[in-house]
Amino acid sequence: MTLAAVWRVDERVYAIADTRITREAGNILTDRGPKLLPITLVCKQVDISEPPVYQTTIGYAYAGATLPALATHALANTLCQNLLGPAGANLPGLDLVTIEVRDIADRYIREIGELSGLGSLFSAIVFGFCPQANRFRAFRIIPELDGGVLSTKISEHDLYGSDTLLVIGNRPELLRERVCIERPKLYADPQGISPQMQTLREIDLPKRALQSLIDEGADENIGGAIQAAWLTRAGFQPVFHRDQKLGFAVLGFNISEFNVGPYAFAPPGRM
């Protein structure tokens, strides 16, 4: 399991996850596992050879069984990059994209579950800017067992409500509770917190809370490093995480370890 969280501050949606992947409690496979991934959405009309009428990237976060979660992402990403509709068709809303991702997830959970049982279960968040609603949206996909019957359900989380934080994974209450405890302390000022510092606090709080849980070993299934990303109207973007030991890092790797010929890895921002 893991912890993954999504929240909105102003015109940006932020996402974090720990990077630990376990086979079972206490059996760590890696502390550098990806949990936040982009899905590319490309919509064309009438002729597949024509330029797209719409193109963007949305976010996908998961917690739970790694194989079906990554398989779901791979297939969803392949299909969503090759959408063809009739002339003048409405652009698909994020709710319709999430339904397709849910249907794919349900197939993989059932197929892999034939051998691994409950070991195939995972939950996910699909988040992004919705062209139909003209706002950011986030949907949770979660499998439920009722009398031994599996149903994979969708629920929308209001990113514009009083509590924008959506958390999935291993003991999500740990992160929520830590955020509540730290909110009055972070950037506290006896004269009162300014609007600018209040915005910065809401951006930083979940990340700092997750880091403290990892540092303390609050749950053996939550660990490794922090993976971070954000999403704007332009789409999903992976970002640096500033690690105290590694410096600028992605998935627990120092980014200076990677390059493609003369090109270095340079995400557009950091958290």
Protein backbone atom coordinates (compact mmCIF):
# COMPACT_ATOMS: atom_id res chain seq x y z
CA MET A 1 0.00 0.00 0.00
CA THR A 2 0.96 3.63 0.08
CA LEU A 3 -0.37 7.14 0.59
CA ALA A 4 -1.27 9.39 -2.32
CA ALA A 5 -2.97 12.77 -2.05
CA VAL A 6 -4.40 15.43 -4.34
CA TRP A 7 -5.49 18.96 -3.41
CA ARG A 8 -6.15 22.31 -5.09
CA VAL A 9 -4.74 25.73 -4.25
CA ASP A 10 -5.92 28.53 -6.55
CA GLU A 11 -5.34 27.59 -10.21
CA ARG A 12 -3.20 24.54 -9.57
CA VAL A 13 -3.82 20.99 -8.37
CA TYR A 14 -0.99 19.41 -6.40
CA ALA A 15 -0.26 15.70 -5.97
CA ILE A 16 2.11 13.72 -3.76
CA ALA A 17 2.76 10.09 -2.95
CA ASP A 18 5.33 8.07 -1.06
CA THR A 19 7.45 5.74 -3.20
CA ARG A 20 7.40 2.49 -1.22
CA ILE A 21 6.04 -0.64 -2.89
CA THR A 22 5.58 -3.72 -0.71
CA ARG A 23 4.65 -7.31 -1.42
CA GLU A 24 3.11 -7.55 2.04
CA ALA A 25 3.60 -5.87 5.41
CA GLY A 26 7.33 -5.68 6.12
CA ASN A 27 8.32 -7.07 2.68
CA ILE A 28 9.60 -4.06 0.73
CA LEU A 29 10.06 -4.51 -3.02
CA THR A 30 11.36 -0.99 -3.68
CA ASP A 31 11.43 2.44 -2.09
CA ARG A 32 11.53 4.11 -5.51
CA GLY A 33 8.19 3.17 -7.03
CA PRO A 34 6.17 5.59 -9.21
CA LYS A 35 2.62 6.36 -8.04
CA LEU A 36 1.81 9.61 -9.92
CA LEU A 37 1.49 9.23 -13.70
CA PRO A 38 0.16 11.27 -16.64
CA ILE A 39 -2.56 10.13 -19.00
CA THR A 40 -2.39 11.84 -22.40
CA LEU A 41 -5.76 12.73 -23.92
CA VAL A 42 -5.83 13.35 -27.68
CA CYS A 43 -9.16 13.89 -29.46
CA LYS A 44 -9.52 13.96 -33.24
CA GLN A 45 -12.65 14.18 -35.35
CA VAL A 46 -13.63 12.38 -38.57
CA ASP A 47 -10.08 11.74 -39.87
CA ILE A 48 -7.37 10.21 -37.65
CA SER A 49 -4.70 11.80 -39.88
CA GLU A 50 -5.91 15.33 -39.12
CA PRO A 51 -4.54 17.44 -36.24
CA PRO A 52 -6.28 16.96 -32.88
CA VAL A 53 -9.14 19.22 -31.86
CA TYR A 54 -8.09 18.81 -28.22
CA GLN A 55 -4.98 17.58 -26.46
CA THR A 56 -3.96 17.64 -22.80
CA THR A 57 -2.60 15.50 -19.98
CA ILE A 58 -4.46 14.54 -16.81
CA GLY A 59 -3.20 12.94 -13.61
CA TYR A 60 -3.48 9.37 -12.34
CA ALA A 61 -2.51 8.40 -8.79
CA TYR A 62 -2.87 4.95 -7.30
CA ALA A 63 -2.52 3.05 -4.04
CA GLY A 64 -2.59 -0.70 -3.58
CA ALA A 65 -1.73 -3.54 -5.94
CA THR A 66 0.97 -2.33 -8.31
CA LEU A 67 0.52 -4.73 -11.26
CA PRO A 68 -3.19 -4.03 -11.99
CA ALA A 69 -2.72 -0.32 -11.22
CA LEU A 70 0.14 0.09 -13.71
CA ALA A 71 -1.60 -2.13 -16.27
CA THR A 72 -4.69 0.06 -15.95
CA HIS A 73 -2.60 3.16 -16.55
CA ALA A 74 -0.81 1.66 -19.56
CA LEU A 75 -4.03 0.68 -21.32
CA ALA A 76 -5.90 3.88 -20.41
CA ASN A 77 -3.00 5.98 -21.65
CA THR A 78 -2.86 4.05 -24.93
CA LEU A 79 -6.59 4.37 -25.59
CA CYS A 80 -6.90 8.01 -24.53
CA GLN A 81 -4.12 9.06 -26.93
CA ASN A 82 -6.13 7.74 -29.87
CA LEU A 83 -9.69 9.04 -29.61
CA LEU A 84 -11.66 9.67 -32.81
CA GLY A 85 -15.14 11.18 -32.84
CA PRO A 86 -17.65 12.54 -35.34
CA ALA A 87 -17.51 16.13 -36.57
CA GLY A 88 -18.64 18.62 -33.94
CA ALA A 89 -18.73 16.09 -31.11
CA ASN A 90 -18.47 17.49 -27.59
CA LEU A 91 -15.11 17.06 -25.90
CA PRO A 92 -15.19 14.28 -23.28
CA GLY A 93 -15.51 15.52 -19.72
CA LEU A 94 -13.21 14.19 -17.03
CA ASP A 95 -16.12 12.17 -15.67
CA LEU A 96 -16.35 10.19 -18.93
CA VAL A 97 -12.60 9.60 -18.98
CA THR A 98 -12.77 8.34 -15.39
CA ILE A 99 -15.56 5.91 -16.27
CA GLU A 100 -13.30 4.36 -18.91
CA VAL A 101 -10.36 4.17 -16.49
CA ARG A 102 -12.68 2.55 -13.91
CA ASP A 103 -13.86 -0.05 -16.43
CA ILE A 104 -10.25 -0.93 -17.30
CA ALA A 105 -9.32 -1.13 -13.61
CA ASP A 106 -12.27 -3.43 -12.93
CA ARG A 107 -11.17 -5.83 -15.66
CA TYR A 108 -7.60 -6.05 -14.35
CA ILE A 109 -8.67 -6.39 -10.72
CA ARG A 110 -10.94 -9.29 -11.62
CA GLU A 111 -8.48 -11.05 -13.93
CA ILE A 112 -5.46 -10.78 -11.63
CA GLY A 113 -7.66 -11.49 -8.62
CA GLU A 114 -8.44 -14.96 -9.97
CA LEU A 115 -4.97 -15.97 -8.75
CA SER A 116 -4.06 -13.31 -6.19
CA GLY A 117 -7.45 -12.76 -4.54
CA LEU A 118 -7.58 -9.55 -2.53
CA GLY A 119 -4.00 -8.92 -3.58
CA SER A 120 -5.30 -7.42 -6.83
CA LEU A 121 -7.19 -4.55 -5.18
CA PHE A 122 -6.13 -0.95 -5.67
CA SER A 123 -7.71 2.48 -5.54
CA ALA A 124 -6.93 5.44 -7.79
CA ILE A 125 -7.51 9.14 -8.34
CA VAL A 126 -8.09 10.63 -11.78
CA PHE A 127 -7.65 14.40 -11.71
CA GLY A 128 -7.37 17.21 -14.21
CA PHE A 129 -9.01 20.19 -15.84
CA CYS A 130 -12.42 19.31 -17.27
CA PRO A 131 -13.29 21.15 -20.52
CA GLN A 132 -16.99 20.48 -20.06
CA ALA A 133 -17.24 21.78 -16.49
CA ASN A 134 -14.53 24.45 -17.04
CA ARG A 135 -12.97 23.61 -13.70
CA PHE A 136 -10.56 21.22 -12.02
CA ARG A 137 -12.08 17.91 -10.96
CA ALA A 138 -10.91 14.82 -9.10
CA PHE A 139 -12.52 11.38 -9.03
CA ARG A 140 -11.73 8.48 -6.75
CA ILE A 141 -11.93 4.92 -8.08
CA ILE A 142 -12.31 2.36 -5.32
CA PRO A 143 -13.12 -1.37 -5.34
CA GLU A 144 -15.71 -2.56 -2.85
CA LEU A 145 -16.65 -6.07 -1.76
CA ASP A 146 -20.23 -6.67 -0.67
CA GLY A 147 -20.97 -10.26 0.26
CA GLY A 148 -18.05 -11.43 -1.82
CA VAL A 149 -19.26 -9.50 -4.89
CA LEU A 150 -16.79 -6.98 -6.32
CA SER A 151 -17.90 -3.61 -7.63
CA THR A 152 -15.50 -0.85 -8.66
CA LYS A 153 -17.08 2.49 -7.90
CA ILE A 154 -16.46 6.15 -8.68
CA SER A 155 -16.99 9.15 -6.43
CA GLU A 156 -16.17 12.78 -7.16
CA HIS A 157 -14.27 14.86 -4.63
CA ASP A 158 -15.03 18.60 -4.65
CA LEU A 159 -11.73 20.41 -5.18
CA TYR A 160 -13.49 23.72 -4.52
CA GLY A 161 -14.95 22.76 -1.14
CA SER A 162 -13.72 23.74 2.31
CA ASP A 163 -11.52 20.61 2.44
CA THR A 164 -9.86 20.05 -0.93
CA LEU A 165 -7.51 17.29 0.26
CA LEU A 166 -8.27 13.84 -1.17
CA VAL A 167 -6.20 10.95 0.20
CA ILE A 168 -6.13 7.28 -0.77
CA GLY A 169 -4.04 4.37 0.43
CA ASN A 170 -2.75 2.93 3.64
CA ARG A 171 -4.35 4.68 6.63
CA PRO A 172 -5.29 7.99 4.95
CA GLU A 173 -6.37 9.30 8.34
CA LEU A 174 -2.71 9.54 9.31
CA LEU A 175 -2.07 12.21 6.69
CA ARG A 176 -5.31 14.05 7.35
CA GLU A 177 -4.66 14.16 11.09
CA ARG A 178 -1.08 15.34 10.62
CA VAL A 179 -2.21 18.13 8.30
CA CYS A 180 -4.73 19.31 10.90
CA ILE A 181 -2.10 19.24 13.67
CA GLU A 182 0.51 21.12 11.66
CA ARG A 183 -1.76 23.78 10.09
CA PRO A 184 -1.76 26.17 13.09
CA LYS A 185 2.02 25.81 13.46
CA LEU A 186 3.33 26.13 9.90
CA TYR A 187 4.41 29.69 9.12
CA ALA A 188 2.68 30.88 12.29
CA ASP A 189 2.99 34.60 13.02
CA PRO A 190 1.85 36.32 16.24
CA GLN A 191 0.69 39.23 14.07
CA GLY A 192 -1.42 36.94 11.93
CA ILE A 193 -0.61 35.10 8.73
CA SER A 194 -0.66 37.07 5.49
CA PRO A 195 -2.73 35.90 2.49
CA GLN A 196 0.48 35.06 0.61
CA MET A 197 1.84 32.96 3.47
CA GLN A 198 -1.55 31.30 3.94
CA THR A 199 -1.46 30.21 0.28
CA LEU A 200 2.10 28.91 0.71
CA ARG A 201 1.05 27.03 3.85
CA GLU A 202 -1.78 25.23 2.05
CA ILE A 203 0.59 24.24 -0.75
CA ASP A 204 3.27 22.93 1.62
CA LEU A 205 1.19 21.30 4.37
CA PRO A 206 0.39 17.88 2.86
CA LYS A 207 3.94 17.40 1.57
CA ARG A 208 5.47 18.28 4.93
CA ALA A 209 2.95 16.05 6.71
CA LEU A 210 3.76 13.08 4.47
CA GLN A 211 7.49 13.63 4.92
CA SER A 212 7.09 13.59 8.70
CA LEU A 213 5.13 10.32 8.53
CA ILE A 214 7.89 8.76 6.41
CA ASP A 215 10.64 10.06 8.70
CA GLU A 216 8.88 8.72 11.81
CA GLY A 217 8.07 5.32 10.30
CA ALA A 218 4.44 5.87 11.24
CA ASP A 219 3.40 2.85 9.13
CA GLU A 220 5.75 0.24 7.69
CA ASN A 221 3.92 0.34 4.37
CA ILE A 222 4.52 4.08 3.96
CA GLY A 223 8.12 4.99 3.17
CA GLY A 224 10.82 5.73 0.66
CA ALA A 225 10.81 9.24 -0.76
CA ILE A 226 8.14 11.69 -1.93
CA GLN A 227 7.00 11.83 -5.54
CA ALA A 228 5.43 15.16 -6.47
CA ALA A 229 3.53 16.63 -9.41
CA TRP A 230 1.19 19.47 -10.17
CA LEU A 231 -1.49 20.09 -12.73
CA THR A 232 -2.63 23.33 -14.37
CA ARG A 233 -5.01 24.04 -17.22
CA ALA A 234 -2.05 23.22 -19.48
CA GLY A 235 -1.85 19.68 -18.07
CA PHE A 236 0.11 17.38 -15.75
CA GLN A 237 3.73 18.10 -14.86
CA PRO A 238 6.17 16.07 -12.71
CA VAL A 239 8.23 18.28 -10.41
CA PHE A 240 11.37 18.09 -8.30
CA HIS A 241 11.26 17.17 -4.65
CA ARG A 242 13.98 18.70 -2.48
CA ASP A 243 15.44 15.81 -0.50
CA GLN A 244 17.65 16.65 2.47
CA LYS A 245 20.16 13.93 1.57
CA LEU A 246 19.93 13.77 -2.21
CA GLY A 247 19.20 17.37 -3.14
CA PHE A 248 16.81 17.70 -6.08
CA ALA A 249 15.31 14.25 -6.52
CA VAL A 250 12.65 12.26 -8.34
CA LEU A 251 11.52 8.91 -6.91
CA GLY A 252 14.45 8.94 -4.52
CA PHE A 253 17.01 9.37 -7.33
CA ASN A 254 19.23 12.43 -7.63
CA ILE A 255 18.27 13.92 -10.99
CA SER A 256 21.90 14.58 -11.87
CA GLU A 257 22.31 10.81 -12.35
CA PHE A 258 20.23 10.91 -15.54
CA ASN A 259 20.63 12.53 -18.93
CA VAL A 260 19.98 11.83 -22.59
CA GLY A 261 23.18 12.72 -24.39
CA PRO A 262 23.74 16.44 -23.77
CA TYR A 263 20.20 16.89 -22.36
CA ALA A 264 19.73 16.87 -18.58
CA PHE A 265 16.51 16.08 -16.73
CA ALA A 266 14.83 19.41 -15.93
CA PRO A 267 11.24 19.30 -14.67
CA PRO A 268 9.48 22.68 -14.71
CA GLY A 269 9.32 23.25 -10.95
CA ARG A 270 9.83 21.87 -7.47
CA MET A 271 7.80 21.24 -4.32
